[in-house]
């Protein structure tokens, strides 16, 4: 735990955990994000402030929970996510739960969810 904490706060400021979610969960989430994007674009801060090819989907807990509570629980009750959040933020605390949606046309990429939960 101290290695994770030290790496995040004292070395790189970000941690990527590969393979934390199933392919099926991510395909479902990617489809939800794609279908929800037109609504998300109505938010005043829908554009990422520093990366113009990226949208923010805000309030994922409320919005996804209203449409697909099972998928939301798969994402936020993931043991990797909860372990890292407990270490970095404190026991059972979440920050802002948003998603980054990357637009097509970037270098070697199609539209996709950048990562499921930005906490």
N, C-alpha and C. Protein backbone atom coordinates (compact mmCIF):
# COMPACT_ATOMS: atom_id res chain seq x y z
N UNK A 1 0.82 -1.20 0.00
CA UNK A 1 0.00 0.00 0.00
C UNK A 1 0.86 1.26 0.00
N UNK A 2 1.92 1.24 0.77
CA UNK A 2 2.77 2.44 0.82
C UNK A 2 3.46 2.67 -0.52
N UNK A 3 3.78 1.61 -1.26
CA UNK A 3 4.40 1.76 -2.58
C UNK A 3 3.44 2.43 -3.56
N UNK A 4 2.16 2.02 -3.53
CA UNK A 4 1.15 2.63 -4.40
C UNK A 4 0.99 4.10 -4.05
N UNK A 5 0.85 4.39 -2.77
CA UNK A 5 0.69 5.77 -2.31
C UNK A 5 1.88 6.62 -2.73
N UNK A 6 3.09 6.13 -2.48
CA UNK A 6 4.30 6.87 -2.80
C UNK A 6 4.44 7.10 -4.29
N UNK A 7 4.15 6.08 -5.08
CA UNK A 7 4.24 6.22 -6.54
C UNK A 7 3.30 7.30 -7.04
N UNK A 8 2.07 7.29 -6.55
CA UNK A 8 1.08 8.27 -7.01
C UNK A 8 1.42 9.68 -6.55
N UNK A 9 1.63 9.86 -5.25
CA UNK A 9 1.77 11.21 -4.71
C UNK A 9 3.18 11.80 -4.82
N UNK A 10 4.19 10.95 -4.90
CA UNK A 10 5.56 11.47 -4.88
C UNK A 10 6.35 11.23 -6.16
N UNK A 11 5.79 10.46 -7.08
CA UNK A 11 6.57 10.15 -8.28
C UNK A 11 5.85 10.57 -9.56
N UNK A 12 4.74 9.92 -9.90
CA UNK A 12 4.19 10.16 -11.24
C UNK A 12 2.81 10.82 -11.24
N UNK A 13 2.04 10.77 -10.18
CA UNK A 13 0.75 11.43 -10.14
C UNK A 13 -0.38 10.71 -10.85
N UNK A 14 -0.11 9.55 -11.37
CA UNK A 14 -1.14 8.75 -12.05
C UNK A 14 -0.77 7.28 -11.96
N UNK A 15 -1.79 6.45 -11.92
CA UNK A 15 -1.57 5.00 -11.91
C UNK A 15 -2.56 4.38 -12.87
N UNK A 16 -2.07 3.53 -13.75
CA UNK A 16 -2.93 2.80 -14.69
C UNK A 16 -2.90 1.34 -14.29
N UNK A 17 -4.07 0.77 -14.06
CA UNK A 17 -4.19 -0.64 -13.71
C UNK A 17 -4.80 -1.36 -14.90
N UNK A 18 -4.02 -2.14 -15.58
CA UNK A 18 -4.49 -2.85 -16.77
C UNK A 18 -5.20 -4.15 -16.37
N UNK A 19 -6.25 -4.46 -17.11
CA UNK A 19 -6.96 -5.72 -16.88
C UNK A 19 -7.87 -5.73 -15.67
N UNK A 20 -8.18 -4.57 -15.13
CA UNK A 20 -9.03 -4.51 -13.94
C UNK A 20 -10.49 -4.82 -14.24
N UNK A 21 -10.92 -4.55 -15.47
CA UNK A 21 -12.31 -4.76 -15.86
C UNK A 21 -12.39 -5.83 -16.94
N UNK A 22 -13.51 -6.53 -17.00
CA UNK A 22 -13.69 -7.54 -18.04
C UNK A 22 -13.95 -6.86 -19.38
N UNK A 23 -13.67 -7.58 -20.44
CA UNK A 23 -13.92 -7.06 -21.78
C UNK A 23 -15.40 -6.76 -21.96
N UNK A 24 -16.25 -7.63 -21.45
CA UNK A 24 -17.70 -7.44 -21.56
C UNK A 24 -18.15 -6.16 -20.85
N UNK A 25 -17.66 -5.92 -19.65
CA UNK A 25 -18.03 -4.70 -18.91
C UNK A 25 -17.61 -3.46 -19.69
N UNK A 26 -16.41 -3.48 -20.24
CA UNK A 26 -15.93 -2.32 -20.97
C UNK A 26 -16.68 -2.12 -22.28
N UNK A 27 -17.07 -3.20 -22.95
CA UNK A 27 -17.87 -3.06 -24.17
C UNK A 27 -19.23 -2.47 -23.86
N UNK A 28 -19.86 -2.93 -22.75
CA UNK A 28 -21.14 -2.36 -22.33
C UNK A 28 -21.00 -0.88 -21.99
N UNK A 29 -19.94 -0.56 -21.25
CA UNK A 29 -19.73 0.82 -20.83
C UNK A 29 -19.42 1.72 -22.03
N UNK A 30 -18.62 1.23 -22.94
CA UNK A 30 -18.31 2.00 -24.14
C UNK A 30 -19.58 2.30 -24.93
N UNK A 31 -20.46 1.29 -25.05
CA UNK A 31 -21.73 1.48 -25.77
C UNK A 31 -22.61 2.50 -25.05
N UNK A 32 -22.66 2.43 -23.71
CA UNK A 32 -23.46 3.41 -22.96
C UNK A 32 -22.91 4.81 -23.17
N UNK A 33 -21.61 4.97 -23.08
CA UNK A 33 -21.01 6.29 -23.25
C UNK A 33 -21.31 6.85 -24.63
N UNK A 34 -21.20 6.00 -25.65
CA UNK A 34 -21.47 6.47 -27.01
C UNK A 34 -22.92 6.93 -27.16
N UNK A 35 -23.83 6.18 -26.55
CA UNK A 35 -25.25 6.56 -26.65
C UNK A 35 -25.58 7.78 -25.79
N UNK A 36 -24.81 8.03 -24.76
CA UNK A 36 -25.08 9.12 -23.83
C UNK A 36 -24.37 10.42 -24.22
N UNK A 37 -23.48 10.36 -25.16
CA UNK A 37 -22.63 11.50 -25.47
C UNK A 37 -23.40 12.75 -25.86
N UNK A 38 -24.49 12.62 -26.62
CA UNK A 38 -25.25 13.81 -27.01
C UNK A 38 -25.84 14.54 -25.80
N UNK A 39 -26.23 13.80 -24.78
CA UNK A 39 -26.73 14.42 -23.55
C UNK A 39 -25.58 15.07 -22.80
N UNK A 40 -24.46 14.38 -22.72
CA UNK A 40 -23.29 14.90 -22.00
C UNK A 40 -22.79 16.21 -22.63
N UNK A 41 -22.95 16.34 -23.94
CA UNK A 41 -22.49 17.55 -24.62
C UNK A 41 -23.26 18.80 -24.19
N UNK A 42 -24.41 18.63 -23.54
CA UNK A 42 -25.19 19.77 -23.05
C UNK A 42 -24.62 20.36 -21.77
N UNK A 43 -23.74 19.63 -21.09
CA UNK A 43 -23.10 20.15 -19.88
C UNK A 43 -22.16 21.28 -20.24
N UNK A 44 -22.14 22.31 -19.42
CA UNK A 44 -21.29 23.46 -19.69
C UNK A 44 -19.80 23.14 -19.75
N UNK A 45 -19.39 22.14 -19.04
CA UNK A 45 -17.97 21.78 -19.02
C UNK A 45 -17.71 20.46 -19.73
N UNK A 46 -18.45 20.20 -20.80
CA UNK A 46 -18.33 18.90 -21.47
C UNK A 46 -17.02 18.72 -22.22
N UNK A 47 -16.36 19.79 -22.58
CA UNK A 47 -15.07 19.69 -23.27
C UNK A 47 -13.94 19.67 -22.25
N UNK A 48 -13.00 18.78 -22.47
CA UNK A 48 -11.82 18.74 -21.60
C UNK A 48 -11.07 20.07 -21.75
N UNK A 49 -10.68 20.71 -20.65
CA UNK A 49 -10.09 22.05 -20.74
C UNK A 49 -8.72 22.10 -21.43
N UNK A 50 -8.00 20.99 -21.47
CA UNK A 50 -6.66 21.01 -22.05
C UNK A 50 -6.50 20.10 -23.26
N UNK A 51 -7.49 19.26 -23.53
CA UNK A 51 -7.38 18.31 -24.63
C UNK A 51 -8.63 18.42 -25.50
N UNK A 52 -8.56 19.14 -26.62
CA UNK A 52 -9.76 19.43 -27.41
C UNK A 52 -10.44 18.22 -28.04
N UNK A 53 -9.77 17.10 -28.19
CA UNK A 53 -10.40 15.92 -28.76
C UNK A 53 -11.05 15.02 -27.73
N UNK A 54 -11.33 15.57 -26.56
CA UNK A 54 -11.84 14.75 -25.46
C UNK A 54 -13.08 15.40 -24.85
N UNK A 55 -14.12 14.60 -24.64
CA UNK A 55 -15.31 15.04 -23.92
C UNK A 55 -15.28 14.50 -22.50
N UNK A 56 -15.92 15.20 -21.58
CA UNK A 56 -16.14 14.71 -20.23
C UNK A 56 -17.59 14.30 -20.10
N UNK A 57 -17.83 13.12 -19.59
CA UNK A 57 -19.19 12.71 -19.22
C UNK A 57 -19.23 12.79 -17.71
N UNK A 58 -19.97 13.77 -17.21
CA UNK A 58 -20.02 14.06 -15.79
C UNK A 58 -21.11 13.27 -15.08
N UNK A 59 -20.99 13.18 -13.77
CA UNK A 59 -22.01 12.58 -12.91
C UNK A 59 -22.38 11.17 -13.37
N UNK A 60 -21.37 10.36 -13.59
CA UNK A 60 -21.57 8.99 -14.07
C UNK A 60 -22.41 8.17 -13.08
N UNK A 61 -22.22 8.38 -11.79
CA UNK A 61 -22.95 7.59 -10.80
C UNK A 61 -24.46 7.77 -10.98
N UNK A 62 -24.93 8.99 -11.04
CA UNK A 62 -26.36 9.25 -11.19
C UNK A 62 -26.86 8.83 -12.57
N UNK A 63 -26.14 9.21 -13.59
CA UNK A 63 -26.61 8.99 -14.96
C UNK A 63 -26.58 7.52 -15.36
N UNK A 64 -25.48 6.84 -15.15
CA UNK A 64 -25.41 5.42 -15.49
C UNK A 64 -26.29 4.62 -14.54
N UNK A 65 -26.34 5.01 -13.28
CA UNK A 65 -27.18 4.31 -12.30
C UNK A 65 -28.64 4.32 -12.67
N UNK A 66 -29.09 5.40 -13.27
CA UNK A 66 -30.50 5.50 -13.68
C UNK A 66 -30.81 4.60 -14.87
N UNK A 67 -29.82 4.33 -15.70
CA UNK A 67 -30.05 3.55 -16.91
C UNK A 67 -29.59 2.10 -16.82
N UNK A 68 -28.51 1.86 -16.07
CA UNK A 68 -27.98 0.49 -16.00
C UNK A 68 -27.25 0.32 -14.67
N UNK A 69 -28.03 0.13 -13.62
CA UNK A 69 -27.46 0.04 -12.27
C UNK A 69 -26.52 -1.15 -12.13
N UNK A 70 -26.81 -2.26 -12.80
CA UNK A 70 -25.92 -3.43 -12.71
C UNK A 70 -24.53 -3.11 -13.26
N UNK A 71 -24.48 -2.43 -14.38
CA UNK A 71 -23.18 -2.07 -14.96
C UNK A 71 -22.45 -1.08 -14.05
N UNK A 72 -23.17 -0.12 -13.52
CA UNK A 72 -22.54 0.84 -12.60
C UNK A 72 -21.91 0.11 -11.43
N UNK A 73 -22.63 -0.85 -10.85
CA UNK A 73 -22.08 -1.59 -9.71
C UNK A 73 -20.87 -2.42 -10.11
N UNK A 74 -20.88 -2.99 -11.32
CA UNK A 74 -19.70 -3.72 -11.78
C UNK A 74 -18.47 -2.80 -11.82
N UNK A 75 -18.69 -1.56 -12.23
CA UNK A 75 -17.58 -0.62 -12.36
C UNK A 75 -17.10 -0.08 -11.02
N UNK A 76 -18.02 0.39 -10.20
CA UNK A 76 -17.58 1.06 -8.96
C UNK A 76 -17.32 0.09 -7.81
N UNK A 77 -17.80 -1.15 -7.92
CA UNK A 77 -17.53 -2.13 -6.88
C UNK A 77 -16.41 -3.08 -7.29
N UNK A 78 -15.61 -2.67 -8.24
CA UNK A 78 -14.50 -3.46 -8.71
C UNK A 78 -13.41 -3.51 -7.63
N UNK A 79 -12.91 -4.68 -7.29
CA UNK A 79 -11.93 -4.76 -6.20
C UNK A 79 -10.63 -3.98 -6.47
N UNK A 80 -10.22 -3.88 -7.71
CA UNK A 80 -9.03 -3.07 -8.01
C UNK A 80 -9.32 -1.59 -7.73
N UNK A 81 -10.45 -1.12 -8.23
CA UNK A 81 -10.81 0.28 -8.03
C UNK A 81 -10.96 0.61 -6.55
N UNK A 82 -11.69 -0.21 -5.82
CA UNK A 82 -11.91 0.10 -4.40
C UNK A 82 -10.61 0.03 -3.60
N UNK A 83 -9.73 -0.90 -3.93
CA UNK A 83 -8.45 -0.98 -3.23
C UNK A 83 -7.61 0.26 -3.47
N UNK A 84 -7.50 0.67 -4.74
CA UNK A 84 -6.70 1.85 -5.04
C UNK A 84 -7.33 3.11 -4.47
N UNK A 85 -8.65 3.23 -4.53
CA UNK A 85 -9.30 4.41 -3.94
C UNK A 85 -9.10 4.46 -2.44
N UNK A 86 -9.20 3.30 -1.79
CA UNK A 86 -8.97 3.26 -0.34
C UNK A 86 -7.56 3.73 0.01
N UNK A 87 -6.58 3.31 -0.78
CA UNK A 87 -5.19 3.68 -0.51
C UNK A 87 -4.96 5.16 -0.79
N UNK A 88 -5.49 5.66 -1.90
CA UNK A 88 -5.17 7.02 -2.33
C UNK A 88 -6.08 8.10 -1.77
N UNK A 89 -7.36 7.77 -1.57
CA UNK A 89 -8.33 8.79 -1.14
C UNK A 89 -8.81 8.63 0.29
N UNK A 90 -8.63 7.45 0.85
CA UNK A 90 -9.17 7.15 2.16
C UNK A 90 -10.28 6.13 2.01
N UNK A 91 -10.60 5.44 3.07
CA UNK A 91 -11.53 4.33 3.02
C UNK A 91 -12.88 4.74 2.43
N UNK A 92 -13.27 4.06 1.34
CA UNK A 92 -14.56 4.21 0.66
C UNK A 92 -14.90 5.66 0.32
N UNK A 93 -13.95 6.35 -0.25
CA UNK A 93 -14.19 7.72 -0.71
C UNK A 93 -13.98 7.76 -2.22
N UNK A 94 -14.83 8.49 -2.90
CA UNK A 94 -14.68 8.74 -4.33
C UNK A 94 -14.58 10.24 -4.52
N UNK A 95 -13.83 10.62 -5.51
CA UNK A 95 -13.82 12.01 -5.93
C UNK A 95 -14.94 12.19 -6.94
N UNK A 96 -14.73 13.04 -7.88
CA UNK A 96 -15.68 13.23 -8.96
C UNK A 96 -15.63 12.01 -9.87
N UNK A 97 -16.77 11.44 -10.18
CA UNK A 97 -16.80 10.27 -11.05
C UNK A 97 -17.21 10.73 -12.44
N UNK A 98 -16.22 10.85 -13.32
CA UNK A 98 -16.44 11.28 -14.68
C UNK A 98 -15.82 10.26 -15.63
N UNK A 99 -16.11 10.40 -16.89
CA UNK A 99 -15.51 9.57 -17.93
C UNK A 99 -14.95 10.48 -18.99
N UNK A 100 -13.87 10.08 -19.60
CA UNK A 100 -13.32 10.80 -20.74
C UNK A 100 -13.64 10.02 -22.00
N UNK A 101 -14.26 10.69 -22.96
CA UNK A 101 -14.60 10.10 -24.25
C UNK A 101 -13.67 10.72 -25.30
N UNK A 102 -12.91 9.91 -25.97
CA UNK A 102 -11.96 10.37 -26.98
C UNK A 102 -12.64 10.35 -28.34
N UNK A 103 -12.53 11.44 -29.08
CA UNK A 103 -13.13 11.53 -30.41
C UNK A 103 -12.27 10.79 -31.44
N UNK A 104 -12.89 10.37 -32.56
CA UNK A 104 -12.11 9.72 -33.60
C UNK A 104 -11.20 10.72 -34.30
N UNK A 105 -10.25 10.18 -35.06
CA UNK A 105 -9.39 11.05 -35.84
C UNK A 105 -8.05 11.33 -35.20
N UNK A 106 -7.88 10.93 -33.98
CA UNK A 106 -6.58 11.09 -33.34
C UNK A 106 -5.59 10.10 -33.92
N UNK A 107 -4.40 10.19 -33.48
CA UNK A 107 -3.34 9.31 -33.96
C UNK A 107 -3.65 7.86 -33.58
N UNK A 108 -3.96 7.03 -34.59
CA UNK A 108 -4.18 5.59 -34.42
C UNK A 108 -5.33 5.24 -33.47
N UNK A 109 -6.41 5.98 -33.48
CA UNK A 109 -7.48 5.63 -32.57
C UNK A 109 -8.85 5.91 -33.15
N UNK A 110 -9.82 5.14 -32.66
CA UNK A 110 -11.23 5.37 -32.92
C UNK A 110 -11.81 5.99 -31.66
N UNK A 111 -13.09 6.39 -31.71
CA UNK A 111 -13.73 6.87 -30.49
C UNK A 111 -13.75 5.76 -29.46
N UNK A 112 -13.53 6.13 -28.23
CA UNK A 112 -13.54 5.13 -27.17
C UNK A 112 -13.57 5.83 -25.81
N UNK A 113 -13.90 5.04 -24.79
CA UNK A 113 -13.81 5.52 -23.42
C UNK A 113 -12.34 5.46 -23.04
N UNK A 114 -11.82 6.58 -22.59
CA UNK A 114 -10.41 6.65 -22.21
C UNK A 114 -10.15 5.76 -20.99
N UNK A 115 -10.96 5.89 -20.01
CA UNK A 115 -10.96 4.99 -18.86
C UNK A 115 -12.32 5.10 -18.21
N UNK A 116 -12.74 4.07 -17.53
CA UNK A 116 -14.14 4.04 -17.08
C UNK A 116 -14.49 5.05 -16.00
N UNK A 117 -13.64 5.22 -15.02
CA UNK A 117 -13.99 6.15 -13.94
C UNK A 117 -12.78 6.98 -13.58
N UNK A 118 -12.96 8.26 -13.64
CA UNK A 118 -11.93 9.22 -13.23
C UNK A 118 -12.31 9.64 -11.82
N UNK A 119 -11.58 9.17 -10.85
CA UNK A 119 -11.94 9.47 -9.45
C UNK A 119 -10.84 10.25 -8.77
